[in-house]
Amino acid sequence: MTVPVFLGDPGAGARILLDGPEGRHAAAVRRLRAGERLDLTDGAGRVAECEVREAFKDALELTVLNRYEVPAPQPRLVVVQGLPKGDRGELAVETMTEAGVDVIVPWAAARCVTQWKGERGGKSLGRWRSTARDAAKQARRFHLPEISDQATTAQVAALLAGAALAVVLHEEATEPLSRLDLPEKGDIVLVVGPEGGITGDEITKFQASGAIPALLGPTVLRTSTAGVAAAAVLLARSGRW
């Protein structure tokens, strides 16, 4: 069985008490018992390989077997995701997290059917962050992805201007995504439009910020699956896969 990953402070001593929501999940839901293994990470690269010493009702006492640190991957992959309809946003976040995307930026594009406003927006952002957290643990990621606050088109343009490589997926582009020259370090920022597509004004602003329109493939993917498909191409080409 794959060793499960939990979030917490890897600490510095020989023993760790895993309590709170993570400890409760490990003890009451996963039902880990003495002698079983788990990895504890702070989500920023620090890892403690542990063995359960004693299981309580809602916590575990752990013995640390080894500690190490995982360096952050390079180049960093940032995906700007146009807000999808319904629960497809969580699907996009889940699959991109599993693939290895480092930052996901919710984007309020002009043609987004879904609108994040007020209390609803805060709840939606919270669901994206919770989804990313759970998916990262399932995928055994020791660097949790960042889910940023919702961005406007102007903020996305500024993000593209500072990237080592800026790309916008567009069905009318002639340059294939798979043939772009990739940087060895820095940020690759990739824009995925909403169901209705990217407007002419948006693509003009993004190109003015240095973005390259690129074609993902011969078919048109849903916005909730285009990000993970493009991420797979870029992660493989960059050598991270």
Protein backbone atom coordinates (compact mmCIF):
# COMPACT_ATOMS: atom_id res chain seq x y z
CA MET A 1 0.00 0.00 0.00
CA THR A 2 1.21 3.52 -0.78
CA VAL A 3 2.37 5.34 2.33
CA PRO A 4 -0.26 8.01 3.15
CA VAL A 5 0.69 11.69 3.41
CA PHE A 6 -0.61 14.05 6.09
CA LEU A 7 -0.05 17.76 6.58
CA GLY A 8 1.65 19.04 9.70
CA ASP A 9 4.90 20.30 11.16
CA PRO A 10 7.68 17.72 10.58
CA GLY A 11 9.26 19.12 13.75
CA ALA A 12 12.78 18.46 15.00
CA GLY A 13 12.43 15.85 17.76
CA ALA A 14 12.25 12.07 17.71
CA ARG A 15 8.50 12.01 18.31
CA ILE A 16 5.53 13.98 16.96
CA LEU A 17 1.92 14.17 18.11
CA LEU A 18 -0.35 14.39 15.06
CA ASP A 19 -3.62 15.86 16.31
CA GLY A 20 -6.25 18.30 15.06
CA PRO A 21 -8.16 17.57 11.82
CA GLU A 22 -5.22 15.66 10.27
CA GLY A 23 -4.73 13.51 13.37
CA ARG A 24 -8.46 12.82 13.61
CA HIS A 25 -8.57 11.77 9.96
CA ALA A 26 -5.52 9.53 10.36
CA ALA A 27 -6.80 7.85 13.53
CA ALA A 28 -10.57 7.73 13.04
CA VAL A 29 -11.01 7.61 9.25
CA ARG A 30 -7.84 5.96 7.96
CA ARG A 31 -7.63 3.90 11.19
CA LEU A 32 -3.84 3.82 11.23
CA ARG A 33 -2.45 1.69 14.02
CA ALA A 34 0.87 1.11 15.79
CA GLY A 35 3.61 0.00 13.44
CA GLU A 36 2.08 1.53 10.30
CA ARG A 37 3.92 4.12 8.21
CA LEU A 38 2.98 7.64 7.15
CA ASP A 39 4.76 10.71 5.80
CA LEU A 40 4.23 14.12 7.39
CA THR A 41 4.89 17.27 5.36
CA ASP A 42 4.51 20.99 5.87
CA GLY A 43 3.50 21.40 2.20
CA ALA A 44 6.63 23.45 1.51
CA GLY A 45 9.06 20.58 0.90
CA ARG A 46 9.94 19.43 4.44
CA VAL A 47 9.12 15.76 5.08
CA ALA A 48 9.26 13.46 8.09
CA GLU A 49 9.02 9.71 7.46
CA CYS A 50 7.16 8.36 10.48
CA GLU A 51 5.86 5.21 12.10
CA VAL A 52 2.81 5.18 14.34
CA ARG A 53 3.92 4.55 17.93
CA GLU A 54 0.47 4.77 19.50
CA ALA A 55 -3.03 5.46 18.14
CA PHE A 56 -5.59 7.43 20.15
CA LYS A 57 -9.23 8.22 19.40
CA ASP A 58 -8.46 11.35 17.39
CA ALA A 59 -4.65 11.59 17.29
CA LEU A 60 -1.48 9.61 16.65
CA GLU A 61 1.86 9.59 18.40
CA LEU A 62 4.56 9.19 15.78
CA THR A 63 8.17 8.07 15.84
CA VAL A 64 10.31 9.90 13.28
CA LEU A 65 12.41 7.53 11.17
CA ASN A 66 13.95 10.08 8.79
CA ARG A 67 13.71 13.70 7.73
CA TYR A 68 14.53 15.27 4.39
CA GLU A 69 13.65 18.23 2.19
CA VAL A 70 12.34 18.15 -1.38
CA PRO A 71 13.46 21.13 -3.50
CA ALA A 72 10.79 23.11 -5.33
CA PRO A 73 10.54 22.00 -8.98
CA GLN A 74 11.72 24.21 -11.83
CA PRO A 75 10.46 25.69 -14.05
CA ARG A 76 7.36 26.56 -12.08
CA LEU A 77 4.05 25.99 -13.88
CA VAL A 78 1.29 28.54 -13.30
CA VAL A 79 -2.15 27.91 -14.86
CA VAL A 80 -4.64 30.75 -15.16
CA GLN A 81 -8.02 29.00 -15.24
CA GLY A 82 -11.14 30.69 -16.60
CA LEU A 83 -13.95 29.92 -14.15
CA PRO A 84 -15.80 26.78 -15.30
CA LYS A 85 -19.48 26.03 -14.70
CA GLY A 86 -20.72 24.07 -11.69
CA ASP A 87 -18.33 21.64 -10.04
CA ARG A 88 -16.03 21.47 -13.07
CA GLY A 89 -13.79 24.01 -11.37
CA GLU A 90 -13.00 21.52 -8.61
CA LEU A 91 -12.39 18.85 -11.27
CA ALA A 92 -9.87 21.11 -13.01
CA VAL A 93 -8.11 21.90 -9.72
CA GLU A 94 -8.02 18.24 -8.69
CA THR A 95 -6.50 16.95 -11.92
CA MET A 96 -4.02 19.81 -12.31
CA THR A 97 -2.88 19.30 -8.71
CA GLU A 98 -2.38 15.58 -9.33
CA ALA A 99 -0.38 16.38 -12.48
CA GLY A 100 1.95 18.78 -10.66
CA VAL A 101 0.78 22.33 -11.47
CA ASP A 102 2.37 24.71 -8.96
CA VAL A 103 -0.02 27.67 -8.98
CA ILE A 104 -3.65 27.87 -10.12
CA VAL A 105 -5.15 31.32 -10.68
CA PRO A 106 -8.96 31.61 -10.92
CA TRP A 107 -9.73 34.07 -13.69
CA ALA A 108 -12.93 36.10 -14.09
CA ALA A 109 -12.88 36.11 -17.91
CA ALA A 110 -15.45 38.10 -19.89
CA ARG A 111 -17.28 35.00 -21.13
CA CYS A 112 -17.36 33.11 -17.84
CA VAL A 113 -20.85 31.83 -17.11
CA THR A 114 -19.91 31.40 -13.45
CA GLN A 115 -19.35 34.57 -11.46
CA TRP A 116 -17.56 34.68 -8.11
CA LYS A 117 -19.03 37.56 -6.16
CA GLY A 118 -19.31 38.30 -2.46
CA GLU A 119 -19.88 35.39 -0.09
CA ARG A 120 -20.35 32.93 -2.97
CA GLY A 121 -16.93 33.82 -4.32
CA GLY A 122 -15.28 33.20 -0.97
CA LYS A 123 -16.95 29.80 -0.64
CA SER A 124 -15.96 28.81 -4.18
CA LEU A 125 -12.34 29.80 -3.55
CA GLY A 126 -12.41 27.82 -0.32
CA ARG A 127 -13.61 24.72 -2.19
CA TRP A 128 -10.82 25.08 -4.75
CA ARG A 129 -8.24 25.31 -1.95
CA SER A 130 -9.70 22.36 -0.07
CA THR A 131 -9.77 20.31 -3.30
CA ALA A 132 -6.12 21.15 -4.01
CA ARG A 133 -5.09 20.22 -0.48
CA ASP A 134 -6.81 16.82 -0.63
CA ALA A 135 -5.56 16.06 -4.14
CA ALA A 136 -1.98 16.98 -3.19
CA LYS A 137 -2.02 14.53 -0.28
CA GLN A 138 -3.50 11.80 -2.48
CA ALA A 139 -0.82 12.43 -5.11
CA ARG A 140 1.95 12.42 -2.47
CA ARG A 141 3.01 15.97 -3.25
CA PHE A 142 5.33 17.57 -0.71
CA HIS A 143 4.88 21.03 -2.23
CA LEU A 144 1.22 22.03 -2.09
CA PRO A 145 -0.05 24.05 -5.04
CA GLU A 146 -0.99 27.66 -4.43
CA ILE A 147 -4.57 28.64 -5.27
CA SER A 148 -4.44 32.41 -5.62
CA ASP A 149 -7.25 34.90 -5.19
CA GLN A 150 -9.52 35.50 -8.19
CA ALA A 151 -7.76 37.61 -10.84
CA THR A 152 -9.07 40.19 -13.27
CA THR A 153 -7.94 40.32 -16.89
CA ALA A 154 -5.60 43.22 -16.06
CA GLN A 155 -4.01 41.19 -13.27
CA VAL A 156 -3.56 38.20 -15.59
CA ALA A 157 -1.88 40.47 -18.15
CA ALA A 158 0.55 41.66 -15.47
CA LEU A 159 1.27 38.06 -14.49
CA LEU A 160 2.03 37.18 -18.11
CA ALA A 161 4.35 40.17 -18.46
CA GLY A 162 6.57 38.85 -15.66
CA ALA A 163 6.73 35.23 -16.86
CA ALA A 164 9.75 33.44 -18.30
CA LEU A 165 7.28 32.03 -20.85
CA ALA A 166 3.68 33.23 -21.29
CA VAL A 167 1.21 31.12 -23.27
CA VAL A 168 -2.49 31.43 -24.10
CA LEU A 169 -4.34 28.38 -25.40
CA HIS A 170 -6.35 29.44 -28.45
CA GLU A 171 -8.15 27.40 -31.08
CA GLU A 172 -7.09 29.76 -33.88
CA ALA A 173 -3.37 29.69 -33.02
CA THR A 174 -0.94 28.19 -35.51
CA GLU A 175 1.93 27.45 -33.13
CA PRO A 176 1.57 24.02 -31.41
CA LEU A 177 2.07 24.04 -27.66
CA SER A 178 4.31 20.98 -27.98
CA ARG A 179 6.87 22.90 -30.07
CA LEU A 180 7.43 25.94 -27.89
CA ASP A 181 10.91 26.49 -26.44
CA LEU A 182 10.68 26.16 -22.68
CA PRO A 183 12.79 27.96 -20.06
CA GLU A 184 14.86 25.92 -17.57
CA LYS A 185 13.75 28.09 -14.65
CA GLY A 186 11.31 30.84 -13.80
CA ASP A 187 7.56 30.75 -14.37
CA ILE A 188 5.69 29.26 -17.30
CA VAL A 189 2.29 30.97 -17.19
CA LEU A 190 -0.46 29.26 -19.18
CA VAL A 191 -3.92 30.78 -19.74
CA VAL A 192 -6.95 28.50 -20.19
CA GLY A 193 -10.11 30.30 -21.27
CA PRO A 194 -13.69 29.65 -20.09
CA GLU A 195 -16.37 27.62 -21.92
CA GLY A 196 -17.22 30.57 -24.15
CA GLY A 197 -13.61 31.14 -25.14
CA ILE A 198 -11.28 34.12 -24.90
CA THR A 199 -12.47 37.40 -26.38
CA GLY A 200 -10.54 39.34 -29.01
CA ASP A 201 -9.89 42.12 -26.50
CA GLU A 202 -8.47 39.65 -23.97
CA ILE A 203 -6.14 37.95 -26.46
CA THR A 204 -4.94 41.38 -27.64
CA LYS A 205 -4.11 42.44 -24.07
CA PHE A 206 -2.34 39.15 -23.37
CA GLN A 207 -0.25 39.35 -26.56
CA ALA A 208 0.70 42.92 -25.64
CA SER A 209 2.05 41.44 -22.37
CA GLY A 210 4.23 38.99 -24.30
CA ALA A 211 1.96 35.95 -24.40
CA ILE A 212 2.19 33.46 -27.27
CA PRO A 213 -1.10 32.01 -28.58
CA ALA A 214 -0.67 28.23 -28.84
CA LEU A 215 -2.74 25.33 -30.12
CA LEU A 216 -3.11 22.39 -27.74
CA GLY A 217 -4.27 19.84 -30.32
CA PRO A 218 -6.68 19.02 -33.15
CA THR A 219 -9.74 18.80 -30.87
CA VAL A 220 -11.44 21.34 -28.63
CA LEU A 221 -11.25 20.32 -24.98
CA ARG A 222 -13.52 21.47 -22.17
CA THR A 223 -12.01 24.20 -20.06
CA SER A 224 -11.95 21.80 -17.10
CA THR A 225 -9.72 19.31 -18.95
CA ALA A 226 -7.65 21.60 -21.18
CA GLY A 227 -5.46 22.73 -18.27
CA VAL A 228 -4.36 19.25 -17.21
CA ALA A 229 -3.78 18.20 -20.84
CA ALA A 230 -1.61 21.25 -21.48
CA ALA A 231 0.18 20.77 -18.16
CA ALA A 232 1.05 17.20 -19.18
CA VAL A 233 2.65 18.48 -22.39
CA LEU A 234 4.66 21.17 -20.61
CA LEU A 235 5.73 19.02 -17.66
CA ALA A 236 6.96 16.29 -19.98
CA ARG A 237 8.79 18.72 -22.27
CA SER A 238 10.41 20.54 -19.36
CA GLY A 239 11.82 17.32 -17.92
CA ARG A 240 9.75 17.48 -14.73
CA TRP A 241 7.99 14.29 -15.82
